Structures are given as C-alpha cells and as structure tokens.
Amino acid sequence: MAKDPRSHVDSSTPITGTVHKRSWWVRFVIERDAGARFRFVAIQTPRGSVLARRLGVDVANPETIVAIINGRAYFKSDATIRVLVDLPRWSWSQILLLLPRGARDWAYDRIAPNRYRLFSRNENCLVPTSSIAARFDS
C-alpha cells in the first residue's frame, strides 16, 4: 500500500524501527546497494519520528518498516519488496507483488516479531565509512 508522505523526501528512505546501525535489514541493503540509492532514518531520531507520525506509524510500537520511494510511502511487505526490487539482482522479487497483500502482510507480521531469532541479532554496531555514514539521516 502506498501513501503520500506529505514531505519532501528526495531519495529512497527506509524508516526502520530499530537502531539502524545494528539492523540486519539495513546491512543487507547497504551491501547490495552499490549505487547508494537508499538512505536510512531510524524511528528514534527526530526526523524519523516526525515522518512516522505523518504516515500513521506508532512511534512507540512500530509494527512495520516504511520505504519512501519516489515520494510514495510503502509499508510492511510492500516496503520490503519495493526495496528488494531496486537492488541489483533482486528485481525477480517483483513477482511477489502478485500475491495478495493480505497474505504477504500476514507472513510479514509473523516474521517481523521473530526476526532476531530467524536472522540473528547483530549486537555489534556498524562502523560506517564516511560514504556509508552519509546515507543515515538523523
């Protein structure tokens, strides 16, 4: 599902509900996004919480990631798939959009709360190079 974020976001911005320098998802995207198309903002930051509130995401208990791509906000499975599609060698994932959103979001809602158990929690913070650090909004 896409919403108008009613803000001026120039680049693709996934809003994560975790401290993004520990996030498996953020590291996954950074490692594959050689063109540095995606920028990141954590919901705990002032900008992240303002964007989340504008988009109707509960800042205290976010149950979704948000990806703002070309000025449109996507949530849950839509956000995940839209980000994947824009990564090199992941365009095939667009086929997942053929599945009903309800089914995709049902799976998302089951995986998201178990993500640390499924994908392991990274206790080490990413120590970004200056080029990677520039991709994090605060």
Protein backbone atom coordinates (compact mmCIF):
# COMPACT_ATOMS: atom_id res chain seq x y z
CA MET A 1 0.00 0.00 0.00
CA ALA A 2 1.37 3.42 -0.86
CA LYS A 3 0.61 6.72 0.85
CA ASP A 4 1.65 10.26 0.09
CA PRO A 5 4.20 11.07 2.83
CA ARG A 6 3.37 14.79 2.58
CA SER A 7 7.01 15.63 2.98
CA HIS A 8 9.87 16.37 0.65
CA VAL A 9 11.91 13.20 0.58
CA ASP A 10 14.29 13.32 -2.34
CA SER A 11 15.74 9.85 -2.10
CA SER A 12 14.52 6.40 -1.25
CA THR A 13 14.31 6.18 2.51
CA PRO A 14 13.52 3.08 4.52
CA ILE A 15 12.39 4.08 8.02
CA THR A 16 13.42 1.35 10.42
CA GLY A 17 12.02 0.66 13.86
CA THR A 18 15.37 -0.33 15.30
CA VAL A 19 18.68 1.33 15.89
CA HIS A 20 19.57 1.08 12.24
CA LYS A 21 23.30 0.54 12.62
CA ARG A 22 22.51 -2.85 14.23
CA SER A 23 19.79 -3.80 11.78
CA TRP A 24 20.26 -6.90 9.65
CA TRP A 25 17.96 -5.38 7.02
CA VAL A 26 19.96 -2.14 6.80
CA ARG A 27 23.23 -4.06 6.41
CA PHE A 28 21.61 -6.30 3.79
CA VAL A 29 20.51 -3.27 1.74
CA ILE A 30 23.81 -1.39 2.12
CA GLU A 31 25.84 -4.42 0.97
CA ARG A 32 23.75 -4.73 -2.20
CA ASP A 33 23.04 -1.07 -2.96
CA ALA A 34 26.28 -0.19 -4.75
CA GLY A 35 24.66 2.91 -6.26
CA ALA A 36 23.84 4.20 -2.77
CA ARG A 37 20.26 4.87 -3.78
CA PHE A 38 18.85 4.19 -0.33
CA ARG A 39 19.22 6.40 2.72
CA PHE A 40 18.10 5.37 6.20
CA VAL A 41 16.43 7.02 9.15
CA ALA A 42 15.68 5.34 12.48
CA ILE A 43 12.31 5.97 14.04
CA GLN A 44 14.07 7.02 17.28
CA THR A 45 15.53 10.11 15.61
CA PRO A 46 13.62 13.40 15.46
CA ARG A 47 13.23 13.17 11.67
CA GLY A 48 12.24 9.50 11.82
CA SER A 49 9.57 10.07 14.47
CA VAL A 50 8.13 13.07 12.58
CA LEU A 51 7.92 11.05 9.35
CA ALA A 52 6.44 8.05 11.18
CA ARG A 53 3.74 10.17 12.81
CA ARG A 54 2.87 11.79 9.47
CA LEU A 55 2.44 8.34 8.00
CA GLY A 56 0.37 6.98 10.87
CA VAL A 57 3.06 4.70 12.29
CA ASP A 58 3.03 4.32 16.09
CA VAL A 59 6.45 5.63 17.14
CA ALA A 60 6.33 3.77 20.47
CA ASN A 61 5.40 0.45 18.86
CA PRO A 62 6.19 0.43 15.15
CA GLU A 63 4.86 -2.72 13.53
CA THR A 64 6.23 -2.01 10.08
CA ILE A 65 9.14 -0.69 8.15
CA VAL A 66 8.35 2.16 5.81
CA ALA A 67 10.06 2.70 2.49
CA ILE A 68 9.60 6.06 0.82
CA ILE A 69 10.37 5.56 -2.84
CA ASN A 70 9.86 8.29 -5.42
CA GLY A 71 7.78 10.27 -2.93
CA ARG A 72 5.43 7.40 -2.02
CA ALA A 73 5.39 5.53 1.26
CA TYR A 74 5.13 1.74 1.35
CA PHE A 75 4.54 -0.41 4.43
CA LYS A 76 5.19 -3.97 5.60
CA SER A 77 5.60 -6.44 2.71
CA ASP A 78 5.16 -3.71 0.08
CA ALA A 79 8.09 -1.79 1.61
CA THR A 80 10.29 -4.87 1.75
CA ILE A 81 9.54 -5.91 -1.83
CA ARG A 82 9.88 -2.38 -3.25
CA VAL A 83 13.34 -2.06 -1.71
CA LEU A 84 14.40 -5.51 -2.93
CA VAL A 85 13.22 -4.79 -6.48
CA ASP A 86 15.54 -1.77 -6.63
CA LEU A 87 18.61 -3.78 -5.60
CA PRO A 88 20.87 -5.35 -8.24
CA ARG A 89 19.98 -8.99 -8.93
CA TRP A 90 16.79 -8.76 -6.82
CA SER A 91 14.38 -7.50 -9.49
CA TRP A 92 12.92 -11.03 -9.63
CA SER A 93 11.31 -10.35 -6.24
CA GLN A 94 8.73 -8.16 -8.00
CA ILE A 95 6.83 -11.39 -8.71
CA LEU A 96 5.93 -11.44 -5.00
CA LEU A 97 3.67 -8.44 -5.64
CA LEU A 98 1.34 -10.84 -7.49
CA LEU A 99 0.49 -12.48 -4.17
CA PRO A 100 -2.43 -10.85 -2.35
CA ARG A 101 -1.25 -8.11 0.02
CA GLY A 102 -3.20 -9.71 2.87
CA ALA A 103 -1.24 -12.95 2.50
CA ARG A 104 2.09 -11.12 2.18
CA ASP A 105 1.39 -8.93 5.21
CA TRP A 106 0.24 -11.97 7.20
CA ALA A 107 3.66 -13.54 6.55
CA TYR A 108 5.39 -10.21 7.33
CA ASP A 109 3.51 -9.99 10.65
CA ARG A 110 4.74 -13.49 11.57
CA ILE A 111 8.36 -12.96 10.54
CA ALA A 112 8.91 -9.43 11.89
CA PRO A 113 8.48 -10.23 15.62
CA ASN A 114 10.77 -13.25 15.21
CA ARG A 115 13.41 -11.58 13.04
CA TYR A 116 16.18 -11.73 15.65
CA ARG A 117 15.63 -15.44 16.18
CA LEU A 118 15.38 -16.12 12.43
CA PHE A 119 18.16 -13.84 11.17
CA SER A 120 20.16 -13.40 14.38
CA ARG A 121 20.53 -10.13 16.20
CA ASN A 122 23.68 -8.24 15.50
CA GLU A 123 24.99 -6.88 18.79
CA ASN A 124 27.79 -5.04 17.02
CA CYS A 125 27.07 -1.63 15.61
CA LEU A 126 28.03 -0.95 12.04
CA VAL A 127 31.04 1.35 11.99
CA PRO A 128 30.33 3.06 8.71
CA THR A 129 32.80 4.59 6.34
CA SER A 130 32.14 8.25 5.59
CA SER A 131 30.31 7.32 2.37
CA ILE A 132 28.02 4.92 4.25
CA ALA A 133 27.56 7.34 7.17
CA ALA A 134 26.24 9.93 4.73
CA ARG A 135 23.34 7.57 3.99
CA PHE A 136 21.96 7.79 7.54
CA ASP A 137 19.64 10.67 8.36
CA SER A 138 19.25 11.83 11.93
